[in-house]
Amino acid sequence: MQYRNAFLVIIHVVGLFVSSLAYAQSAEDRDLLKAMQQIQLAAKKTSYSGTFVYQQGNQIRTSKITHGFDGETEVEKLEILDGKPREYIRRNGEVSCYLPESKLIQIEKNLTQEEFPALLNENVHLLAESYFIKKAQMSKVAGNECQVYSLQPKDSLRYGFRLCAEKNSNLLLGIQTLNTRNEVIEQIAFTQLVVGEIDKGRLKPSFPNLTQWRIENMTVQANVKSGWQVKNLPDGFKKTLETKRFIPISPSVSGTETNHSKSHQVVQMMFSDGISSISVFVEPNSSGRTEGSLQQGAMTIMGKRMGDSWLTVVGEVPNAAIKQVISSIQYKR
């Protein structure tokens, strides 16, 4: 009896140890997931201004971003510094694109924000399903100290990531995309950054005489049910958006509004695991298109004909994931 009681005590102690260990691990996982959520919120609720460089394969692009948040409204101005001049100004979910060469303003509504530094999206709580999240060393980006986090994929249908978040604001300062050999295949990082209150005048378009520019309203219907479905998504990916976009073929007589009778209809479905995203575009088929795929850095694009429709799948995921998606697209009335 005495030995039996001693054995039960040992079992009880071991059980407490295992439970404590499991709790400690889950608490650490919760802290890391909370850190990811803070990075996601910081991109929306922090005011900042800076210049960042985007390297994709052998292409390098430079942009300037100014972001303001007053507690309710989020306003962001993105200036493209390479190639043809253009600016994007986003006020919550409405984006105005200013094209000075054609003196045109294109306006789209019901858009989601998934651009640097707001790369972590509403599915950020799903990250632990698809990645091993680890806290790494401290580093510096654009003169700002930041905490490095490693996201290692749990399967071969997504890439790994290395994130660097500013230590005080949690704003994402840089991100690297890694392949299976832990090589950097794509990266975005600030080269200059100021965090804090900004002059609201810097959130306005830079071009004069805008009253003389033509306005094109790019109608976007959000939360539609088009009937198109992806039957075999990679694990961890959930739909974040389904829209129907009407791209004008020619302007109306007034030259200020979109004529829906002369528009090109495109259905878009977006899927995400919290950081990686896949977009599916469905539009009327047209002649002259060739089925196939294209790889640029971490970006994979694949096109396929299906009856009277043309399917395009785009994502910063490996080719196998894009192929799995495009092969399982179906239409149900």
Protein backbone atom coordinates (compact mmCIF):
# COMPACT_ATOMS: atom_id res chain seq x y z
CA MET A 1 0.00 0.00 0.00
CA GLN A 2 2.84 2.33 0.90
CA TYR A 3 4.53 1.72 -2.47
CA ARG A 4 1.22 2.28 -4.25
CA ASN A 5 0.73 5.67 -2.53
CA ALA A 6 4.29 6.67 -3.40
CA PHE A 7 3.68 5.68 -7.02
CA LEU A 8 0.48 7.77 -7.13
CA VAL A 9 2.37 10.76 -5.72
CA ILE A 10 5.02 10.41 -8.44
CA ILE A 11 2.32 10.17 -11.13
CA HIS A 12 0.64 13.27 -9.70
CA VAL A 13 3.92 15.24 -9.65
CA VAL A 14 4.79 14.17 -13.20
CA GLY A 15 1.28 15.13 -14.32
CA LEU A 16 1.66 18.59 -12.79
CA PHE A 17 5.05 19.01 -14.47
CA VAL A 18 3.71 18.00 -17.89
CA SER A 19 0.67 20.25 -17.46
CA SER A 20 2.88 23.16 -16.41
CA LEU A 21 5.17 22.59 -19.39
CA ALA A 22 2.22 22.44 -21.79
CA TYR A 23 0.77 25.60 -20.26
CA ALA A 24 4.11 27.40 -20.52
CA GLN A 25 4.38 26.44 -24.20
CA SER A 26 0.84 27.52 -24.97
CA ALA A 27 1.37 30.79 -23.07
CA GLU A 28 4.47 31.46 -25.18
CA ASP A 29 2.53 30.68 -28.35
CA ARG A 30 -0.22 33.04 -27.25
CA ASP A 31 2.32 35.80 -26.59
CA LEU A 32 3.83 35.34 -30.05
CA LEU A 33 0.41 35.37 -31.71
CA LYS A 34 -0.45 38.50 -29.74
CA ALA A 35 2.75 40.09 -31.06
CA MET A 36 1.63 39.31 -34.63
CA GLN A 37 -1.76 40.92 -33.94
CA GLN A 38 -0.03 44.01 -32.54
CA ILE A 39 2.04 44.28 -35.73
CA GLN A 40 -1.16 44.08 -37.77
CA LEU A 41 -2.88 46.81 -35.72
CA ALA A 42 0.18 49.08 -35.68
CA ALA A 43 0.08 49.45 -39.48
CA LYS A 44 -3.45 50.84 -39.20
CA LYS A 45 -3.35 52.85 -35.98
CA THR A 46 0.12 54.42 -36.12
CA SER A 47 0.93 57.68 -37.89
CA TYR A 48 4.19 57.54 -39.85
CA SER A 49 5.97 58.69 -42.98
CA GLY A 50 8.84 57.05 -44.81
CA THR A 51 10.43 55.62 -47.93
CA PHE A 52 10.64 51.88 -48.56
CA VAL A 53 12.28 49.64 -51.15
CA TYR A 54 10.63 46.54 -52.60
CA GLN A 55 12.95 43.94 -54.14
CA GLN A 56 11.24 41.21 -56.17
CA GLY A 57 13.59 38.97 -58.13
CA ASN A 58 15.82 41.30 -60.16
CA GLN A 59 13.37 44.21 -59.90
CA ILE A 60 13.69 46.99 -57.32
CA ARG A 61 10.96 49.57 -56.73
CA THR A 62 10.99 52.56 -54.40
CA SER A 63 7.89 54.15 -52.88
CA LYS A 64 7.08 56.86 -50.36
CA ILE A 65 4.27 56.37 -47.87
CA THR A 66 2.55 58.79 -45.50
CA HIS A 67 0.00 57.34 -43.12
CA GLY A 68 -2.29 59.12 -40.68
CA PHE A 69 -4.81 57.88 -38.12
CA ASP A 70 -6.90 60.21 -35.96
CA GLY A 71 -8.68 57.55 -33.91
CA GLU A 72 -11.44 56.99 -36.46
CA THR A 73 -10.30 57.69 -40.00
CA GLU A 74 -7.28 56.11 -41.65
CA VAL A 75 -5.74 58.10 -44.51
CA GLU A 76 -2.73 56.95 -46.50
CA LYS A 77 -0.80 58.41 -49.42
CA LEU A 78 1.46 56.19 -51.50
CA GLU A 79 3.78 57.79 -54.04
CA ILE A 80 5.47 55.60 -56.66
CA LEU A 81 8.97 56.99 -57.20
CA ASP A 82 10.08 54.75 -60.09
CA GLY A 83 8.76 54.82 -63.65
CA LYS A 84 5.67 56.83 -64.55
CA PRO A 85 4.57 59.17 -61.74
CA ARG A 86 1.41 58.19 -59.91
CA GLU A 87 -0.08 58.49 -56.45
CA TYR A 88 -2.62 56.51 -54.47
CA ILE A 89 -4.61 58.07 -51.65
CA ARG A 90 -6.66 55.72 -49.49
CA ARG A 91 -9.29 56.88 -47.04
CA ASN A 92 -10.42 53.80 -45.11
CA GLY A 93 -11.69 51.49 -47.92
CA GLU A 94 -11.75 54.01 -50.79
CA VAL A 95 -8.69 54.42 -53.01
CA SER A 96 -8.10 57.24 -55.51
CA CYS A 97 -5.35 56.71 -58.09
CA TYR A 98 -3.90 59.89 -59.65
CA LEU A 99 -2.42 59.44 -63.15
CA PRO A 100 -0.86 62.78 -64.21
CA GLU A 101 0.05 61.72 -67.77
CA SER A 102 -3.60 61.22 -68.71
CA LYS A 103 -4.97 63.68 -66.13
CA LEU A 104 -7.17 60.90 -64.79
CA ILE A 105 -8.39 60.01 -61.28
CA GLN A 106 -9.56 56.42 -60.85
CA ILE A 107 -11.66 55.79 -57.74
CA GLU A 108 -12.32 52.37 -56.27
CA LYS A 109 -14.29 51.50 -53.15
CA ASN A 110 -14.60 48.45 -50.90
CA LEU A 111 -10.91 47.60 -51.07
CA THR A 112 -8.89 45.92 -48.34
CA GLN A 113 -5.49 47.10 -47.18
CA GLU A 114 -2.85 44.46 -47.77
CA GLU A 115 0.16 46.54 -48.76
CA PHE A 116 3.40 47.10 -46.85
CA PRO A 117 3.61 47.68 -43.95
CA ALA A 118 0.04 46.34 -43.52
CA LEU A 119 0.87 42.86 -44.82
CA LEU A 120 -0.59 40.99 -41.88
CA ASN A 121 -4.36 40.97 -42.36
CA GLU A 122 -7.62 40.06 -40.60
CA ASN A 123 -6.66 36.36 -40.66
CA VAL A 124 -3.60 37.02 -38.48
CA HIS A 125 -5.16 34.86 -35.74
CA LEU A 126 -4.73 31.84 -38.07
CA LEU A 127 -0.95 32.13 -38.35
CA ALA A 128 -0.20 29.47 -35.73
CA GLU A 129 -2.08 26.91 -37.86
CA SER A 130 0.39 27.27 -40.72
CA TYR A 131 3.65 28.55 -39.20
CA PHE A 132 6.01 27.92 -36.32
CA ILE A 133 6.44 31.42 -34.88
CA LYS A 134 9.67 32.18 -33.05
CA LYS A 135 11.12 35.29 -31.48
CA ALA A 136 14.65 36.01 -32.71
CA GLN A 137 17.26 38.69 -32.05
CA MET A 138 16.94 42.46 -32.05
CA SER A 139 18.01 44.29 -35.20
CA LYS A 140 17.90 47.71 -36.87
CA VAL A 141 16.04 48.96 -39.94
CA ALA A 142 16.33 52.57 -41.18
CA GLY A 143 18.03 53.49 -37.89
CA ASN A 144 15.15 52.11 -35.79
CA GLU A 145 15.58 49.22 -33.35
CA CYS A 146 13.25 46.34 -34.11
CA GLN A 147 12.37 42.87 -32.86
CA VAL A 148 12.87 40.04 -35.36
CA TYR A 149 10.30 37.24 -35.64
CA SER A 150 10.69 34.06 -37.68
CA LEU A 151 7.71 32.35 -39.34
CA GLN A 152 8.63 28.85 -40.48
CA PRO A 153 5.98 27.14 -42.68
CA LYS A 154 4.50 23.83 -41.58
CA ASP A 155 4.12 22.60 -45.18
CA SER A 156 5.54 23.18 -48.65
CA LEU A 157 2.59 25.26 -49.91
CA ARG A 158 3.83 28.56 -48.47
CA TYR A 159 7.08 30.39 -47.92
CA GLY A 160 8.81 31.32 -44.70
CA PHE A 161 9.15 34.88 -43.43
CA ARG A 162 11.41 37.00 -41.29
CA LEU A 163 9.69 40.07 -39.83
CA CYS A 164 11.22 43.06 -38.08
CA ALA A 165 8.86 45.16 -35.92
CA GLU A 166 9.77 48.53 -34.35
CA LYS A 167 10.30 47.89 -30.64
CA ASN A 168 7.99 50.67 -29.36
CA SER A 169 5.17 51.01 -31.91
CA ASN A 170 5.27 47.39 -33.29
CA LEU A 171 5.17 48.86 -36.80
CA LEU A 172 6.51 46.46 -39.42
CA LEU A 173 9.80 47.92 -40.66
CA GLY A 174 10.95 45.10 -42.92
CA ILE A 175 9.99 41.64 -44.13
CA GLN A 176 11.93 38.95 -45.99
CA THR A 177 10.38 36.02 -47.85
CA LEU A 178 12.40 32.79 -47.60
CA ASN A 179 12.35 29.64 -49.74
CA THR A 180 12.91 26.06 -48.52
CA ARG A 181 16.70 26.63 -48.53
CA ASN A 182 16.23 29.67 -46.25
CA GLU A 183 17.30 31.97 -49.08
CA VAL A 184 15.77 35.45 -49.38
CA ILE A 185 13.70 35.57 -52.59
CA GLU A 186 11.83 38.80 -51.87
CA GLN A 187 12.11 41.63 -49.37
CA ILE A 188 10.59 44.98 -48.44
CA ALA A 189 12.10 47.42 -45.95
CA PHE A 190 12.02 51.06 -44.96
CA THR A 191 15.13 53.04 -45.83
CA GLN A 192 13.88 56.16 -44.05
CA LEU A 193 11.09 56.42 -41.48
CA VAL A 194 9.56 58.88 -39.01
CA VAL A 195 6.96 57.54 -36.55
CA GLY A 196 4.54 59.99 -34.92
CA GLU A 197 2.17 62.82 -35.78
CA ILE A 198 2.33 64.03 -39.39
CA ASP A 199 1.19 67.16 -41.22
CA LYS A 200 -2.25 66.38 -42.74
CA GLY A 201 -1.31 68.49 -45.75
CA ARG A 202 1.11 65.74 -46.75
CA LEU A 203 -1.85 63.38 -47.23
CA LYS A 204 -3.23 65.41 -50.11
CA PRO A 205 -2.42 64.83 -53.81
CA SER A 206 0.68 66.62 -55.09
CA PHE A 207 -0.74 67.62 -58.47
CA PRO A 208 -2.29 71.04 -59.30
CA ASN A 209 -5.54 71.85 -61.18
CA LEU A 210 -7.27 68.58 -60.25
CA THR A 211 -10.68 70.08 -61.09
CA GLN A 212 -9.70 69.77 -64.75
CA TRP A 213 -8.92 66.06 -64.47
CA ARG A 214 -11.32 63.34 -65.59
CA ILE A 215 -12.81 61.07 -62.92
CA GLU A 216 -13.40 57.37 -63.52
CA ASN A 217 -15.43 55.53 -60.88
CA MET A 218 -14.30 51.91 -60.89
CA THR A 219 -17.38 50.27 -59.41
CA VAL A 220 -16.59 47.47 -56.98
CA GLN A 221 -19.34 45.36 -55.44
CA ALA A 222 -18.17 43.80 -52.17
CA ASN A 223 -19.30 40.59 -50.45
CA VAL A 224 -20.81 39.16 -53.63
CA LYS A 225 -21.65 35.51 -54.20
CA SER A 226 -20.57 34.94 -57.77
CA GLY A 227 -20.94 31.17 -57.77
CA TRP A 228 -17.21 30.62 -58.36
CA GLN A 229 -15.55 28.40 -55.75
CA VAL A 230 -12.14 26.99 -54.91
CA LYS A 231 -12.76 23.43 -53.75
CA ASN A 232 -9.21 22.56 -52.68
CA LEU A 233 -7.51 25.46 -50.89
CA PRO A 234 -4.15 24.88 -49.18
CA ASP A 235 -4.65 24.25 -45.45
CA GLY A 236 -4.93 27.40 -43.37
CA PHE A 237 -6.18 29.67 -46.15
CA LYS A 238 -9.56 31.34 -45.62
CA LYS A 239 -11.50 33.70 -47.86
CA THR A 240 -11.11 37.36 -46.90
CA LEU A 241 -12.97 39.01 -49.76
CA GLU A 242 -15.07 38.37 -52.86
CA THR A 243 -15.78 41.29 -55.16
CA LYS A 244 -17.14 42.03 -58.58
CA ARG A 245 -15.31 44.83 -60.36
CA PHE A 246 -16.56 46.72 -63.43
CA ILE A 247 -13.59 48.02 -65.44
CA PRO A 248 -14.78 50.65 -67.93
CA ILE A 249 -14.06 50.09 -71.61
CA SER A 250 -14.98 53.63 -72.60
CA PRO A 251 -16.25 56.66 -70.65
CA SER A 252 -19.81 57.92 -70.81
CA VAL A 253 -20.79 61.03 -72.75
CA SER A 254 -20.10 63.30 -69.77
CA GLY A 255 -16.63 61.83 -69.39
CA THR A 256 -16.97 61.80 -65.60
CA GLU A 257 -18.85 58.61 -64.79
CA THR A 258 -18.43 54.95 -65.68
CA ASN A 259 -20.92 53.55 -68.21
CA HIS A 260 -21.77 50.06 -66.90
CA SER A 261 -23.09 48.95 -70.29
CA LYS A 262 -19.54 49.31 -71.61
CA SER A 263 -17.53 47.66 -68.88
CA HIS A 264 -15.43 44.57 -68.38
CA GLN A 265 -16.62 42.48 -65.42
CA VAL A 266 -14.03 40.79 -63.21
CA VAL A 267 -14.75 38.61 -60.18
CA GLN A 268 -12.00 38.53 -57.57
CA MET A 269 -11.69 36.16 -54.61
CA MET A 270 -8.96 36.69 -52.02
CA PHE A 271 -7.67 34.04 -49.61
CA SER A 272 -5.12 34.38 -46.83
CA ASP A 273 -3.50 32.45 -44.00
CA GLY A 274 -2.77 35.69 -42.17
CA ILE A 275 0.31 36.76 -44.12
CA SER A 276 0.44 34.84 -47.43
CA SER A 277 -2.32 35.65 -49.90
CA ILE A 278 -3.80 34.12 -53.05
CA SER A 279 -6.10 35.98 -55.43
CA VAL A 280 -8.37 34.39 -58.04
CA PHE A 281 -9.61 36.52 -60.95
CA VAL A 282 -12.40 35.37 -63.26
CA GLU A 283 -13.25 37.35 -66.41
CA PRO A 284 -14.66 36.73 -69.90
CA ASN A 285 -12.30 34.78 -72.11
CA SER A 286 -10.68 36.61 -75.00
CA SER A 287 -8.59 35.38 -77.89
CA GLY A 288 -4.84 35.60 -77.95
CA ARG A 289 -4.21 34.41 -74.41
CA THR A 290 -1.83 31.55 -73.69
CA GLU A 291 -2.21 29.24 -70.72
CA GLY A 292 0.81 28.92 -68.47
CA SER A 293 2.60 30.34 -65.44
CA LEU A 294 5.11 33.05 -64.59
CA GLN A 295 7.40 33.34 -61.56
CA GLN A 296 8.91 36.62 -60.31
CA GLY A 297 10.56 36.51 -56.90
CA ALA A 298 7.97 35.04 -54.54
CA MET A 299 5.11 35.92 -56.89
CA THR A 300 3.53 33.21 -59.04
CA ILE A 301 0.94 33.97 -61.75
CA MET A 302 -0.99 31.24 -63.57
CA GLY A 303 -3.62 31.56 -66.30
CA LYS A 304 -6.13 28.98 -67.53
CA ARG A 305 -9.13 28.89 -69.84
CA MET A 306 -12.39 27.41 -68.52
CA GLY A 307 -15.28 27.44 -70.98
CA ASP A 308 -16.15 31.07 -71.75
CA SER A 309 -14.10 32.33 -68.79
CA TRP A 310 -10.44 33.08 -68.20
CA LEU A 311 -8.99 32.25 -64.78
CA THR A 312 -5.94 33.99 -63.33
CA VAL A 313 -4.48 32.99 -59.98
CA VAL A 314 -1.87 35.22 -58.35
CA GLY A 315 -0.09 34.67 -55.05
CA GLU A 316 3.17 35.00 -53.17
CA VAL A 317 3.22 31.26 -52.61
CA PRO A 318 5.04 28.35 -54.30
CA ASN A 319 3.93 27.13 -57.72
CA ALA A 320 2.39 23.97 -56.22
CA ALA A 321 -0.09 26.03 -54.18
CA ILE A 322 -1.17 28.07 -57.22
CA LYS A 323 -1.56 24.90 -59.28
CA GLN A 324 -3.68 23.29 -56.54
CA VAL A 325 -5.98 26.32 -56.47
CA ILE A 326 -6.43 26.79 -60.21
CA SER A 327 -7.08 23.06 -60.72
CA SER A 328 -9.95 23.09 -58.22
CA ILE A 329 -11.89 26.19 -59.32
CA GLN A 330 -15.53 25.41 -60.06
CA TYR A 331 -18.66 27.33 -60.91
CA LYS A 332 -21.99 26.54 -59.24
CA ARG A 333 -25.11 28.54 -60.00
